[in-house]
Amino acid sequence: MNAPRQVGPLISAAELAASLGEENVVVLDVRWGLDDRDAGRRAYEAGHVAGAHYAHLEDDLSDPDSEVAGQMPAPERLARALEKFGIGDETMVVAYDDDVIYTAARIIWMLAVLGHDRAALLDGGWPAWLAAGGPVDSAPAPAPSPGSLTVTPRPQLRSEREDVERALAAGLPLFDCRMDETWDSAGEHIPGARRLPAPGLTDAASGGLESPERTRERLAELGLGPEDEVVLYCGGGVSASRAWVALRGAGYDRASVYDGSWSEWSAHPELPRERHGGDSG
C-alpha cells in the first residue's frame, strides 16, 4: 500500500482521509491539556479520527525520571514506547492535536530526533478533520501488532541546558516561542532571545501552519538565514516543537529545541535571565 502524500512535515485532512486503513500508516491522537492531564483522553473517548490510537504525552511519551516534567525519554526508551502503537521503520506516522496545545508537533520532532522521518502533522489538527468531514469513531482502535523501530539518533536536534549556555557564549540566536500569555506571565526570558510565538505561525484563513514562504519572510525579518543555527524554546518544549516543524517545512535544517525550555532555565537562579524590556539578571 502507498503511504499518504505529504508536503514537508504536514499532511492535509483530505490526504489522511484517503489513506486511512492503509498498511504502514499509524495515526496518533495526542490531544492533551495543560491544566487537566486527562482532558485529551476524554476527548479521544468522545470522538477521534477513525482508527487512531491515543498516546498520552506524559504517561506514554515522556521521561518519568526527569526532574523537568514532559522531557523526551532516552531514544531507545522512546522507541520501545512507540513500538507498542505498531510503529516500525516503514511506518508513516500521522499525529494530531487540538491545534491549541501543539503536542502533535512535539511527536513529529521527537521522531526526527530518533531518526524517523516518515512522520507528518495533520495540518489544522482535530478542528480541520471535523471541518473536512473526516470519519470519526469513539471506540478505541484495536490493539496493533508491535512494530520494530530502529534508532539512529540526531542529537543536534535536541538542546539541553548546557547547549544553551554554549549558544549564549557563542552568540548564536535563540527564539522564544512561548504563547503571549506565558511570555507575559513569566516577565523574563533568556538574554538576547528574539520572539517567535508559535501561535503566530498559524495561517488565519486555514487554521493550519502558514506557508513556508511566509515563514521564510518572517525569519528573514528576524535576521535568520537557512544556513544559521538557532535554538528554539518555550515553556516546556511543546510550542517550540511547533516552531521547529514550521522551520523544517521552510527549509531551515539547523534548528534545535531546548527540551527543558523556560521550565528548566527559570528553576536555576544562577542562570542569566532578562526582564522583558529591562535589564539582565
C-alpha atoms as a PDB file:
ATOM      1  CA  MET A   1       0.000   0.000   0.000  1.00  0.00           C
ATOM      2  CA  ASN A   2       1.103   3.583  -0.573  1.00  0.00           C
ATOM      3  CA  ALA A   3       1.672   5.951   2.331  1.00  0.00           C
ATOM      4  CA  PRO A   4      -0.170   9.267   2.151  1.00  0.00           C
ATOM      5  CA  ARG A   5       1.365  12.092   0.179  1.00  0.00           C
ATOM      6  CA  GLN A   6       2.710  14.843   2.395  1.00  0.00           C
ATOM      7  CA  VAL A   7       4.043  18.354   1.949  1.00  0.00           C
ATOM      8  CA  GLY A   8       7.148  18.589   4.110  1.00  0.00           C
ATOM      9  CA  PRO A   9       6.158  17.671   7.660  1.00  0.00           C
ATOM     10  CA  LEU A  10       2.450  18.356   7.019  1.00  0.00           C
ATOM     11  CA  ILE A  11      -0.471  16.319   5.721  1.00  0.00           C
ATOM     12  CA  SER A  12      -3.945  17.619   4.931  1.00  0.00           C
ATOM     13  CA  ALA A  13      -7.190  16.185   6.271  1.00  0.00           C
ATOM     14  CA  ALA A  14      -8.181  15.116   2.747  1.00  0.00           C
ATOM     15  CA  GLU A  15      -4.896  13.273   2.196  1.00  0.00           C
ATOM     16  CA  LEU A  16      -5.166  11.492   5.519  1.00  0.00           C
ATOM     17  CA  ALA A  17      -8.796  10.519   4.906  1.00  0.00           C
ATOM     18  CA  ALA A  18      -7.777   8.920   1.605  1.00  0.00           C
ATOM     19  CA  SER A  19      -5.141   6.828   3.401  1.00  0.00           C
ATOM     20  CA  LEU A  20      -6.967   5.543   6.478  1.00  0.00           C
ATOM     21  CA  GLY A  21      -6.684   1.802   6.798  1.00  0.00           C
ATOM     22  CA  GLU A  22      -3.652   1.523   4.543  1.00  0.00           C
ATOM     23  CA  GLU A  23      -0.802  -0.684   5.574  1.00  0.00           C
ATOM     24  CA  ASN A  24       2.021   1.000   7.483  1.00  0.00           C
ATOM     25  CA  VAL A  25       0.011   4.114   8.367  1.00  0.00           C
ATOM     26  CA  VAL A  26      -0.422   4.774  12.101  1.00  0.00           C
ATOM     27  CA  VAL A  27      -2.450   7.727  13.359  1.00  0.00           C
ATOM     28  CA  LEU A  28      -1.768   9.044  16.871  1.00  0.00           C
ATOM     29  CA  ASP A  29      -4.198  11.268  18.748  1.00  0.00           C
ATOM     30  CA  VAL A  30      -2.042  13.200  21.214  1.00  0.00           C
ATOM     31  CA  ARG A  31      -4.517  15.781  22.475  1.00  0.00           C
ATOM     32  CA  TRP A  32      -3.567  16.936  25.950  1.00  0.00           C
ATOM     33  CA  GLY A  33      -4.478  19.599  28.496  1.00  0.00           C
ATOM     34  CA  LEU A  34      -2.079  21.799  30.435  1.00  0.00           C
ATOM     35  CA  ASP A  35      -4.342  22.045  33.464  1.00  0.00           C
ATOM     36  CA  ASP A  36      -6.172  18.727  33.112  1.00  0.00           C
ATOM     37  CA  ARG A  37      -3.936  15.761  32.335  1.00  0.00           C
ATOM     38  CA  ASP A  38      -6.911  13.565  31.365  1.00  0.00           C
ATOM     39  CA  ALA A  39      -8.621  16.068  29.072  1.00  0.00           C
ATOM     40  CA  GLY A  40      -7.046  14.592  25.951  1.00  0.00           C
ATOM     41  CA  ARG A  41      -8.040  11.050  26.829  1.00  0.00           C
ATOM     42  CA  ARG A  42     -11.631  12.129  27.439  1.00  0.00           C
ATOM     43  CA  ALA A  43     -11.647  13.986  24.120  1.00  0.00           C
ATOM     44  CA  TYR A  44     -10.400  10.814  22.391  1.00  0.00           C
ATOM     45  CA  GLU A  45     -13.138   8.734  24.011  1.00  0.00           C
ATOM     46  CA  ALA A  46     -15.753  11.246  22.859  1.00  0.00           C
ATOM     47  CA  GLY A  47     -14.554  11.099  19.261  1.00  0.00           C
ATOM     48  CA  HIS A  48     -11.349  10.705  17.274  1.00  0.00           C
ATOM     49  CA  VAL A  49     -10.016  10.083  13.786  1.00  0.00           C
ATOM     50  CA  ALA A  50     -11.252   6.610  12.861  1.00  0.00           C
ATOM     51  CA  GLY A  51      -8.546   4.062  13.642  1.00  0.00           C
ATOM     52  CA  ALA A  52      -6.372   6.464  15.638  1.00  0.00           C
ATOM     53  CA  HIS A  53      -4.597   5.348  18.806  1.00  0.00           C
ATOM     54  CA  TYR A  54      -4.414   7.617  21.835  1.00  0.00           C
ATOM     55  CA  ALA A  55      -0.931   8.444  23.169  1.00  0.00           C
ATOM     56  CA  HIS A  56      -0.638  10.439  26.385  1.00  0.00           C
ATOM     57  CA  LEU A  57       2.164  12.984  26.324  1.00  0.00           C
ATOM     58  CA  GLU A  58       3.208  12.403  29.933  1.00  0.00           C
ATOM     59  CA  ASP A  59       2.299   8.761  30.536  1.00  0.00           C
ATOM     60  CA  ASP A  60       3.457   7.320  27.210  1.00  0.00           C
ATOM     61  CA  LEU A  61       5.943   9.737  25.665  1.00  0.00           C
ATOM     62  CA  SER A  62       7.876  11.481  28.460  1.00  0.00           C
ATOM     63  CA  ASP A  63      10.795  10.595  30.715  1.00  0.00           C
ATOM     64  CA  PRO A  64       9.362   9.618  34.116  1.00  0.00           C
ATOM     65  CA  ASP A  65      12.765  10.032  35.760  1.00  0.00           C
ATOM     66  CA  SER A  66      13.463  13.595  34.645  1.00  0.00           C
ATOM     67  CA  GLU A  67      13.357  16.436  37.158  1.00  0.00           C
ATOM     68  CA  VAL A  68      11.687  18.521  34.441  1.00  0.00           C
ATOM     69  CA  ALA A  69       8.175  17.385  33.541  1.00  0.00           C
ATOM     70  CA  GLY A  70       7.455  16.274  29.996  1.00  0.00           C
ATOM     71  CA  GLN A  71      11.029  15.690  28.843  1.00  0.00           C
ATOM     72  CA  MET A  72      11.788  13.422  25.901  1.00  0.00           C
ATOM     73  CA  PRO A  73      12.819   9.936  27.055  1.00  0.00           C
ATOM     74  CA  ALA A  74      16.134   8.419  26.044  1.00  0.00           C
ATOM     75  CA  PRO A  75      15.894   7.422  22.352  1.00  0.00           C
ATOM     76  CA  GLU A  76      15.788   3.663  22.941  1.00  0.00           C
ATOM     77  CA  ARG A  77      13.142   4.044  25.632  1.00  0.00           C
ATOM     78  CA  LEU A  78      11.012   6.261  23.389  1.00  0.00           C
ATOM     79  CA  ALA A  79      11.364   3.811  20.501  1.00  0.00           C
ATOM     80  CA  ARG A  80      10.080   0.954  22.657  1.00  0.00           C
ATOM     81  CA  ALA A  81       7.086   3.075  23.705  1.00  0.00           C
ATOM     82  CA  LEU A  82       6.269   3.930  20.090  1.00  0.00           C
ATOM     83  CA  GLU A  83       6.570   0.301  19.002  1.00  0.00           C
ATOM     84  CA  LYS A  84       3.581  -0.502  21.232  1.00  0.00           C
ATOM     85  CA  PHE A  85       1.458   1.568  18.841  1.00  0.00           C
ATOM     86  CA  GLY A  86       2.590  -0.549  15.891  1.00  0.00           C
ATOM     87  CA  ILE A  87       5.247   1.904  14.722  1.00  0.00           C
ATOM     88  CA  GLY A  88       8.225   0.464  12.879  1.00  0.00           C
ATOM     89  CA  ASP A  89      10.836   1.571  10.381  1.00  0.00           C
ATOM     90  CA  GLU A  90       8.413   1.553   7.442  1.00  0.00           C
ATOM     91  CA  THR A  91       5.532   3.186   9.309  1.00  0.00           C
ATOM     92  CA  MET A  92       4.138   6.521   8.227  1.00  0.00           C
ATOM     93  CA  VAL A  93       3.137   8.241  11.480  1.00  0.00           C
ATOM     94  CA  VAL A  94       0.469  10.936  11.417  1.00  0.00           C
ATOM     95  CA  ALA A  95      -0.067  12.864  14.652  1.00  0.00           C
ATOM     96  CA  TYR A  96      -2.771  15.339  15.519  1.00  0.00           C
ATOM     97  CA  ASP A  97      -3.850  17.526  18.439  1.00  0.00           C
ATOM     98  CA  ASP A  98      -6.487  20.186  19.124  1.00  0.00           C
ATOM     99  CA  ASP A  99      -4.444  22.882  17.311  1.00  0.00           C
ATOM    100  CA  VAL A 100      -4.165  24.813  20.589  1.00  0.00           C
ATOM    101  CA  ILE A 101      -1.642  22.792  22.632  1.00  0.00           C
ATOM    102  CA  TYR A 102       0.837  21.663  19.988  1.00  0.00           C
ATOM    103  CA  THR A 103       1.579  18.149  21.215  1.00  0.00           C
ATOM    104  CA  ALA A 104       1.442  16.640  17.712  1.00  0.00           C
ATOM    105  CA  ALA A 105       4.372  18.796  16.621  1.00  0.00           C
ATOM    106  CA  ARG A 106       6.182  17.552  19.706  1.00  0.00           C
ATOM    107  CA  ILE A 107       5.768  13.960  18.491  1.00  0.00           C
ATOM    108  CA  ILE A 108       6.987  14.821  14.974  1.00  0.00           C
ATOM    109  CA  TRP A 109      10.059  16.485  16.477  1.00  0.00           C
ATOM    110  CA  MET A 110      10.793  13.530  18.791  1.00  0.00           C
ATOM    111  CA  LEU A 111      10.518  11.110  15.883  1.00  0.00           C
ATOM    112  CA  ALA A 112      13.011  13.240  13.951  1.00  0.00           C
ATOM    113  CA  VAL A 113      15.397  13.092  16.924  1.00  0.00           C
ATOM    114  CA  LEU A 114      15.107   9.300  16.740  1.00  0.00           C
ATOM    115  CA  GLY A 115      15.940   9.434  13.023  1.00  0.00           C
ATOM    116  CA  HIS A 116      12.435   8.577  11.791  1.00  0.00           C
ATOM    117  CA  ASP A 117      11.312  10.994   9.059  1.00  0.00           C
ATOM    118  CA  ARG A 118       8.224   9.116   7.901  1.00  0.00           C
ATOM    119  CA  ALA A 119       6.009  11.344  10.004  1.00  0.00           C
ATOM    120  CA  ALA A 120       3.591  14.185   9.410  1.00  0.00           C
ATOM    121  CA  LEU A 121       1.490  16.629  11.358  1.00  0.00           C
ATOM    122  CA  LEU A 122      -2.205  16.775  10.492  1.00  0.00           C
ATOM    123  CA  ASP A 123      -2.394  20.398   9.374  1.00  0.00           C
ATOM    124  CA  GLY A 124      -5.044  22.191  11.417  1.00  0.00           C
ATOM    125  CA  GLY A 125      -5.429  19.249  13.807  1.00  0.00           C
ATOM    126  CA  TRP A 126      -8.748  17.954  15.071  1.00  0.00           C
ATOM    127  CA  PRO A 127     -10.698  21.087  14.029  1.00  0.00           C
ATOM    128  CA  ALA A 128      -9.526  20.646  10.432  1.00  0.00           C
ATOM    129  CA  TRP A 129     -10.537  16.974  10.499  1.00  0.00           C
ATOM    130  CA  LEU A 130     -14.051  17.834  11.650  1.00  0.00           C
ATOM    131  CA  ALA A 131     -14.343  20.661   9.127  1.00  0.00           C
ATOM    132  CA  ALA A 132     -13.357  18.275   6.322  1.00  0.00           C
ATOM    133  CA  GLY A 133     -15.967  15.725   7.388  1.00  0.00           C
ATOM    134  CA  GLY A 134     -13.390  13.031   8.065  1.00  0.00           C
ATOM    135  CA  PRO A 135     -14.609   9.748   9.571  1.00  0.00           C
ATOM    136  CA  VAL A 136     -14.892   9.814  13.352  1.00  0.00           C
ATOM    137  CA  ASP A 137     -15.124   6.971  15.849  1.00  0.00           C
ATOM    138  CA  SER A 138     -15.480   6.826  19.618  1.00  0.00           C
ATOM    139  CA  ALA A 139     -14.419   3.211  20.120  1.00  0.00           C
ATOM    140  CA  PRO A 140     -10.750   2.552  20.932  1.00  0.00           C
ATOM    141  CA  ALA A 141      -8.698   1.355  17.989  1.00  0.00           C
ATOM    142  CA  PRO A 142      -7.836  -2.374  18.077  1.00  0.00           C
ATOM    143  CA  ALA A 143      -4.501  -3.134  19.700  1.00  0.00           C
ATOM    144  CA  PRO A 144      -1.846  -3.254  16.964  1.00  0.00           C
ATOM    145  CA  SER A 145       0.945  -5.748  16.484  1.00  0.00           C
ATOM    146  CA  PRO A 146       4.128  -4.241  17.953  1.00  0.00           C
ATOM    147  CA  GLY A 147       6.456  -2.564  15.500  1.00  0.00           C
ATOM    148  CA  SER A 148      10.248  -2.588  15.306  1.00  0.00           C
ATOM    149  CA  LEU A 149      11.781   0.870  15.244  1.00  0.00           C
ATOM    150  CA  THR A 150      15.484   1.367  14.568  1.00  0.00           C
ATOM    151  CA  VAL A 151      17.063   4.280  16.413  1.00  0.00           C
ATOM    152  CA  THR A 152      19.570   6.472  14.570  1.00  0.00           C
ATOM    153  CA  PRO A 153      19.709   9.470  16.917  1.00  0.00           C
ATOM    154  CA  ARG A 154      20.143  13.058  15.775  1.00  0.00           C
ATOM    155  CA  PRO A 155      21.275  14.736  18.996  1.00  0.00           C
ATOM    156  CA  GLN A 156      21.792  18.032  17.171  1.00  0.00           C
ATOM    157  CA  LEU A 157      18.006  18.495  17.051  1.00  0.00           C
ATOM    158  CA  ARG A 158      17.650  18.493  20.860  1.00  0.00           C
ATOM    159  CA  SER A 159      19.379  21.030  23.083  1.00  0.00           C
ATOM    160  CA  GLU A 160      19.981  20.694  26.792  1.00  0.00           C
ATOM    161  CA  ARG A 161      20.742  23.440  29.303  1.00  0.00           C
ATOM    162  CA  GLU A 162      24.492  23.231  28.740  1.00  0.00           C
ATOM    163  CA  ASP A 163      23.965  23.557  24.982  1.00  0.00           C
ATOM    164  CA  VAL A 164      22.002  26.758  25.512  1.00  0.00           C
ATOM    165  CA  GLU A 165      24.744  28.150  27.748  1.00  0.00           C
ATOM    166  CA  ARG A 166      27.254  27.428  24.984  1.00  0.00           C
ATOM    167  CA  ALA A 167      24.946  29.011  22.396  1.00  0.00           C
ATOM    168  CA  LEU A 168      24.728  32.162  24.512  1.00  0.00           C
ATOM    169  CA  ALA A 169      28.512  32.305  24.871  1.00  0.00           C
ATOM    170  CA  ALA A 170      28.923  31.876  21.113  1.00  0.00           C
ATOM    171  CA  GLY A 171      26.303  34.480  20.265  1.00  0.00           C
ATOM    172  CA  LEU A 172      24.034  32.013  18.449  1.00  0.00           C
ATOM    173  CA  PRO A 173      20.418  33.075  18.005  1.00  0.00           C
ATOM    174  CA  LEU A 174      17.686  31.923  20.373  1.00  0.00           C
ATOM    175  CA  PHE A 175      13.983  32.232  19.616  1.00  0.00           C
ATOM    176  CA  ASP A 176      11.405  32.341  22.393  1.00  0.00           C
ATOM    177  CA  CYS A 177       8.284  30.559  21.097  1.00  0.00           C
ATOM    178  CA  ARG A 178       6.057  30.887  24.153  1.00  0.00           C
ATOM    179  CA  MET A 179       2.453  31.908  23.710  1.00  0.00           C
ATOM    180  CA  ASP A 180       1.831  35.540  24.626  1.00  0.00           C
ATOM    181  CA  GLU A 181       0.079  34.568  27.870  1.00  0.00           C
ATOM    182  CA  THR A 182       3.003  32.514  29.179  1.00  0.00           C
ATOM    183  CA  TRP A 183       5.523  35.089  27.947  1.00  0.00           C
ATOM    184  CA  ASP A 184       3.675  37.879  29.754  1.00  0.00           C
ATOM    185  CA  SER A 185       3.158  35.928  32.978  1.00  0.00           C
ATOM    186  CA  ALA A 186       6.843  34.944  33.203  1.00  0.00           C
ATOM    187  CA  GLY A 187       8.051  38.506  32.711  1.00  0.00           C
ATOM    188  CA  GLU A 188      11.537  37.239  31.810  1.00  0.00           C
ATOM    189  CA  HIS A 189      13.374  35.434  29.046  1.00  0.00           C
ATOM    190  CA  ILE A 190      16.787  34.028  28.222  1.00  0.00           C
ATOM    191  CA  PRO A 191      19.034  37.003  27.433  1.00  0.00           C
ATOM    192  CA  GLY A 192      19.086  38.007  23.785  1.00  0.00           C
ATOM    193  CA  ALA A 193      16.214  35.726  22.776  1.00  0.00           C
ATOM    194  CA  ARG A 194      14.016  37.020  19.967  1.00  0.00           C
ATOM    195  CA  ARG A 195      10.266  36.480  19.936  1.00  0.00           C
ATOM    196  CA  LEU A 196       8.767  33.873  17.606  1.00  0.00           C
ATOM    197  CA  PRO A 197       5.413  32.941  19.233  1.00  0.00           C
ATOM    198  CA  ALA A 198       4.263  29.556  17.953  1.00  0.00           C
ATOM    199  CA  PRO A 199       0.602  30.603  17.520  1.00  0.00           C
ATOM    200  CA  GLY A 200       1.772  33.406  15.223  1.00  0.00           C
ATOM    201  CA  LEU A 201       2.923  30.796  12.703  1.00  0.00           C
ATOM    202  CA  THR A 202      -0.700  29.868  12.008  1.00  0.00           C
ATOM    203  CA  ASP A 203      -2.498  30.859   8.814  1.00  0.00           C
ATOM    204  CA  ALA A 204      -5.604  32.729   9.929  1.00  0.00           C
ATOM    205  CA  ALA A 205      -7.691  31.597   6.966  1.00  0.00           C
ATOM    206  CA  SER A 206      -6.992  27.848   7.119  1.00  0.00           C
ATOM    207  CA  GLY A 207      -6.133  27.359  10.785  1.00  0.00           C
ATOM    208  CA  GLY A 208      -3.082  25.341   9.741  1.00  0.00           C
ATOM    209  CA  LEU A 209       0.551  26.364   9.564  1.00  0.00           C
ATOM    210  CA  GLU A 210       1.350  29.390   7.454  1.00  0.00           C
ATOM    211  CA  SER A 211       3.042  28.845   4.099  1.00  0.00           C
ATOM    212  CA  PRO A 212       6.781  28.100   4.000  1.00  0.00           C
ATOM    213  CA  GLU A 213       7.204  31.308   2.000  1.00  0.00           C
ATOM    214  CA  ARG A 214       5.669  33.386   4.797  1.00  0.00           C
ATOM    215  CA  THR A 215       7.796  31.602   7.399  1.00  0.00           C
ATOM    216  CA  ARG A 216      10.931  32.364   5.386  1.00  0.00           C
ATOM    217  CA  GLU A 217       9.907  36.026   5.182  1.00  0.00           C
ATOM    218  CA  ARG A 218       9.294  36.101   8.935  1.00  0.00           C
ATOM    219  CA  LEU A 219      12.671  34.525   9.705  1.00  0.00           C
ATOM    220  CA  ALA A 220      14.472  36.887   7.337  1.00  0.00           C
ATOM    221  CA  GLU A 221      12.912  39.791   9.235  1.00  0.00           C
ATOM    222  CA  LEU A 222      14.396  38.281  12.409  1.00  0.00           C
ATOM    223  CA  GLY A 223      17.798  38.046  10.741  1.00  0.00           C
ATOM    224  CA  LEU A 224      17.905  34.252  10.406  1.00  0.00           C
ATOM    225  CA  GLY A 225      19.141  32.568   7.244  1.00  0.00           C
ATOM    226  CA  PRO A 226      18.544  28.926   6.233  1.00  0.00           C
ATOM    227  CA  GLU A 227      22.169  28.090   6.978  1.00  0.00           C
ATOM    228  CA  ASP A 228      22.103  29.538  10.517  1.00  0.00           C
ATOM    229  CA  GLU A 229      21.916  27.538  13.717  1.00  0.00           C
ATOM    230  CA  VAL A 230      19.102  28.511  16.062  1.00  0.00           C
ATOM    231  CA  VAL A 231      17.797  27.237  19.405  1.00  0.00           C
ATOM    232  CA  LEU A 232      14.036  27.289  19.949  1.00  0.00           C
ATOM    233  CA  TYR A 233      12.491  27.273  23.400  1.00  0.00           C
ATOM    234  CA  CYS A 234       9.133  27.867  25.056  1.00  0.00           C
ATOM    235  CA  GLY A 235       7.636  26.966  28.426  1.00  0.00           C
ATOM    236  CA  GLY A 236       8.181  23.208  28.278  1.00  0.00           C
ATOM    237  CA  GLY A 237       9.272  22.183  24.777  1.00  0.00           C
ATOM    238  CA  VAL A 238       5.840  21.887  23.139  1.00  0.00           C
ATOM    239  CA  SER A 239       5.269  25.245  21.425  1.00  0.00           C
ATOM    240  CA  ALA A 240       8.928  25.264  20.382  1.00  0.00           C
ATOM    241  CA  SER A 241       8.284  21.971  18.586  1.00  0.00           C
ATOM    242  CA  ARG A 242       5.542  23.676  16.573  1.00  0.00           C
ATOM    243  CA  ALA A 243       8.047  26.334  15.542  1.00  0.00           C
ATOM    244  CA  TRP A 244      10.560  23.589  14.703  1.00  0.00           C
ATOM    245  CA  VAL A 245       8.046  21.952  12.334  1.00  0.00           C
ATOM    246  CA  ALA A 246       7.412  25.303  10.656  1.00  0.00           C
ATOM    247  CA  LEU A 247      11.147  25.964  10.243  1.00  0.00           C
ATOM    248  CA  ARG A 248      11.743  22.473   8.905  1.00  0.00           C
ATOM    249  CA  GLY A 249       8.991  22.909   6.336  1.00  0.00           C
ATOM    250  CA  ALA A 250      10.560  26.204   5.284  1.00  0.00           C
ATOM    251  CA  GLY A 251      13.951  24.570   4.685  1.00  0.00           C
ATOM    252  CA  TYR A 252      15.699  25.562   7.920  1.00  0.00           C
ATOM    253  CA  ASP A 253      17.505  22.391   8.961  1.00  0.00           C
ATOM    254  CA  ARG A 254      19.784  23.711  11.721  1.00  0.00           C
ATOM    255  CA  ALA A 255      17.172  24.371  14.370  1.00  0.00           C
ATOM    256  CA  SER A 256      17.089  22.562  17.693  1.00  0.00           C
ATOM    257  CA  VAL A 257      14.539  22.521  20.510  1.00  0.00           C
ATOM    258  CA  TYR A 258      15.681  23.258  24.053  1.00  0.00           C
ATOM    259  CA  ASP A 259      13.776  20.446  25.691  1.00  0.00           C
ATOM    260  CA  GLY A 260      13.739  21.816  29.244  1.00  0.00           C
ATOM    261  CA  SER A 261      12.927  25.304  27.971  1.00  0.00           C
ATOM    262  CA  TRP A 262      11.874  28.023  30.413  1.00  0.00           C
ATOM    263  CA  SER A 263      10.611  25.443  32.938  1.00  0.00           C
ATOM    264  CA  GLU A 264      14.165  24.254  33.472  1.00  0.00           C
ATOM    265  CA  TRP A 265      16.013  27.536  32.875  1.00  0.00           C
ATOM    266  CA  SER A 266      13.914  29.549  35.325  1.00  0.00           C
ATOM    267  CA  ALA A 267      14.377  26.893  38.033  1.00  0.00           C
ATOM    268  CA  HIS A 268      18.123  27.686  38.169  1.00  0.00           C
ATOM    269  CA  PRO A 269      18.666  31.091  39.790  1.00  0.00           C
ATOM    270  CA  GLU A 270      22.331  31.055  38.809  1.00  0.00           C
ATOM    271  CA  LEU A 271      21.427  31.196  35.107  1.00  0.00           C
ATOM    272  CA  PRO A 272      21.105  34.586  33.425  1.00  0.00           C
ATOM    273  CA  ARG A 273      17.708  35.924  32.519  1.00  0.00           C
ATOM    274  CA  GLU A 274      16.444  39.231  31.219  1.00  0.00           C
ATOM    275  CA  ARG A 275      13.283  41.109  32.080  1.00  0.00           C
ATOM    276  CA  HIS A 276      11.069  41.913  29.118  1.00  0.00           C
ATOM    277  CA  GLY A 277      12.139  45.385  28.104  1.00  0.00           C
ATOM    278  CA  GLY A 278      14.508  45.590  31.069  1.00  0.00           C
ATOM    279  CA  ASP A 279      17.859  44.561  32.453  1.00  0.00           C
ATOM    280  CA  SER A 280      19.580  41.202  32.642  1.00  0.00           C
ATOM    281  CA  GLY A 281      19.792  39.423  35.969  1.00  0.00           C
END
